[in-house]
């Protein structure tokens, strides 16, 4: 995305204002993407409004959509993070393979980790 031409700014700002003011509760990942897009379009003041909503979520991290794009590959992540396919035990006692690979990591001294 490139900054908007000055002639388009008033119309786009009106559209963004209407959309943001009527925005229903939205997933954090969606808010992060919208904030990123508004910043890329040069609409910093509108992006700041979404950033306030992200701050209100009290996350222990700041979502940075697309941050690693072009900087890190999936292979880089796989070398660093020991993903494995876990088996979960159902109420009936049957072991079922997860549909995704998971990594359980913690700071030294942290005890066992488990699903809640």
Protein backbone atom coordinates (compact mmCIF):
# COMPACT_ATOMS: atom_id res chain seq x y z
CA UNK A 1 0.00 0.00 0.00
CA UNK A 2 1.17 3.50 -0.80
CA UNK A 3 0.13 6.78 0.79
CA UNK A 4 -3.08 8.14 -0.67
CA UNK A 5 -3.11 11.04 -3.12
CA UNK A 6 -4.12 14.27 -1.39
CA UNK A 7 -7.27 14.53 -3.53
CA UNK A 8 -8.56 11.20 -2.21
CA UNK A 9 -7.81 11.83 1.47
CA UNK A 10 -11.06 13.61 2.48
CA UNK A 11 -13.30 10.91 1.01
CA UNK A 12 -11.21 8.04 2.40
CA UNK A 13 -11.06 9.67 5.84
CA UNK A 14 -14.87 9.96 5.87
CA UNK A 15 -15.21 6.29 4.93
CA UNK A 16 -12.66 5.22 7.55
CA UNK A 17 -14.31 7.36 10.25
CA UNK A 18 -17.69 5.79 9.53
CA UNK A 19 -16.23 2.28 9.55
CA UNK A 20 -14.17 2.74 12.72
CA UNK A 21 -16.99 4.40 14.67
CA UNK A 22 -19.36 1.54 13.81
CA UNK A 23 -16.79 -1.20 14.29
CA UNK A 24 -18.24 -4.07 16.29
CA UNK A 25 -16.01 -6.02 18.65
CA UNK A 26 -13.29 -7.35 16.40
CA UNK A 27 -10.48 -9.87 16.74
CA UNK A 28 -7.17 -8.36 17.81
CA UNK A 29 -5.51 -9.70 14.67
CA UNK A 30 -8.05 -7.82 12.52
CA UNK A 31 -7.55 -4.59 14.46
CA UNK A 32 -3.80 -4.95 14.03
CA UNK A 33 -4.13 -5.41 10.26
CA UNK A 34 -6.47 -2.44 9.95
CA UNK A 35 -4.12 -0.24 11.96
CA UNK A 36 -1.19 -1.31 9.76
CA UNK A 37 -3.15 -0.55 6.56
CA UNK A 38 -4.20 2.89 7.80
CA UNK A 39 -0.59 3.75 8.62
CA UNK A 40 0.55 2.58 5.18
CA UNK A 41 -2.11 4.81 3.61
CA UNK A 42 -0.79 7.77 5.60
CA UNK A 43 -3.84 7.99 7.88
CA UNK A 44 -1.89 8.16 11.14
CA UNK A 45 -4.65 9.85 13.14
CA UNK A 46 -7.15 7.13 12.19
CA UNK A 47 -4.59 4.41 12.90
CA UNK A 48 -4.04 5.93 16.34
CA UNK A 49 -7.73 5.38 17.14
CA UNK A 50 -7.37 1.68 16.38
CA UNK A 51 -4.12 1.57 18.35
CA UNK A 52 -6.09 2.82 21.36
CA UNK A 53 -8.48 -0.11 20.98
CA UNK A 54 -5.52 -2.48 20.80
CA UNK A 55 -4.06 -0.92 23.96
CA UNK A 56 -7.40 -1.42 25.72
CA UNK A 57 -7.07 -5.16 25.14
CA UNK A 58 -4.24 -5.18 27.73
CA UNK A 59 -2.17 -7.64 25.73
CA UNK A 60 1.26 -8.60 27.04
CA UNK A 61 2.62 -7.96 23.52
CA UNK A 62 2.09 -5.63 20.58
CA UNK A 63 0.75 -7.27 17.41
CA UNK A 64 2.92 -6.35 14.43
CA UNK A 65 1.17 -7.68 11.37
CA UNK A 66 3.61 -8.70 8.67
CA UNK A 67 6.62 -7.81 10.83
CA UNK A 68 8.67 -10.86 9.86
CA UNK A 69 7.71 -10.83 6.17
CA UNK A 70 10.89 -10.85 4.11
CA UNK A 71 13.05 -11.07 7.25
CA UNK A 72 12.51 -14.60 8.47
CA UNK A 73 11.39 -17.81 6.81
CA UNK A 74 9.36 -20.73 8.04
CA UNK A 75 12.56 -22.79 7.93
CA UNK A 76 14.23 -20.26 10.28
CA UNK A 77 11.38 -20.66 12.74
CA UNK A 78 11.43 -24.45 12.50
CA UNK A 79 15.17 -24.46 13.30
CA UNK A 80 14.61 -22.34 16.40
CA UNK A 81 11.33 -23.70 17.75
CA UNK A 82 11.03 -27.41 18.57
CA UNK A 83 7.54 -28.07 17.20
CA UNK A 84 6.08 -31.52 17.70
CA UNK A 85 2.81 -33.30 17.13
CA UNK A 86 1.23 -33.96 20.51
CA UNK A 87 -1.26 -36.66 21.38
CA UNK A 88 -4.26 -35.73 23.48
CA UNK A 89 -6.21 -38.24 25.52
CA UNK A 90 -9.99 -38.02 25.13
CA UNK A 91 -12.47 -38.55 27.95
CA UNK A 92 -12.93 -42.04 26.59
CA UNK A 93 -9.20 -42.73 27.01
CA UNK A 94 -8.35 -42.67 23.30
CA UNK A 95 -5.11 -40.96 22.18
CA UNK A 96 -5.72 -38.55 19.31
CA UNK A 97 -3.02 -36.71 17.35
CA UNK A 98 -3.34 -32.93 17.32
CA UNK A 99 -4.17 -31.39 13.95
CA UNK A 100 -1.29 -28.96 14.33
CA UNK A 101 2.23 -28.99 15.68
CA UNK A 102 2.78 -27.36 19.06
CA UNK A 103 5.75 -26.13 21.04
CA UNK A 104 5.78 -25.91 24.80
CA UNK A 105 8.44 -23.41 25.88
CA UNK A 106 9.00 -21.59 29.15
CA UNK A 107 11.66 -19.76 31.08
CA UNK A 108 14.02 -21.98 33.11
CA UNK A 109 12.46 -23.07 36.40
CA UNK A 110 8.87 -23.03 35.13
CA UNK A 111 7.15 -26.31 35.93
CA UNK A 112 5.10 -28.52 33.64
CA UNK A 113 2.85 -26.91 31.08
CA UNK A 114 -0.59 -28.27 30.23
CA UNK A 115 -3.74 -27.37 28.39
CA UNK A 116 -6.28 -25.62 30.54
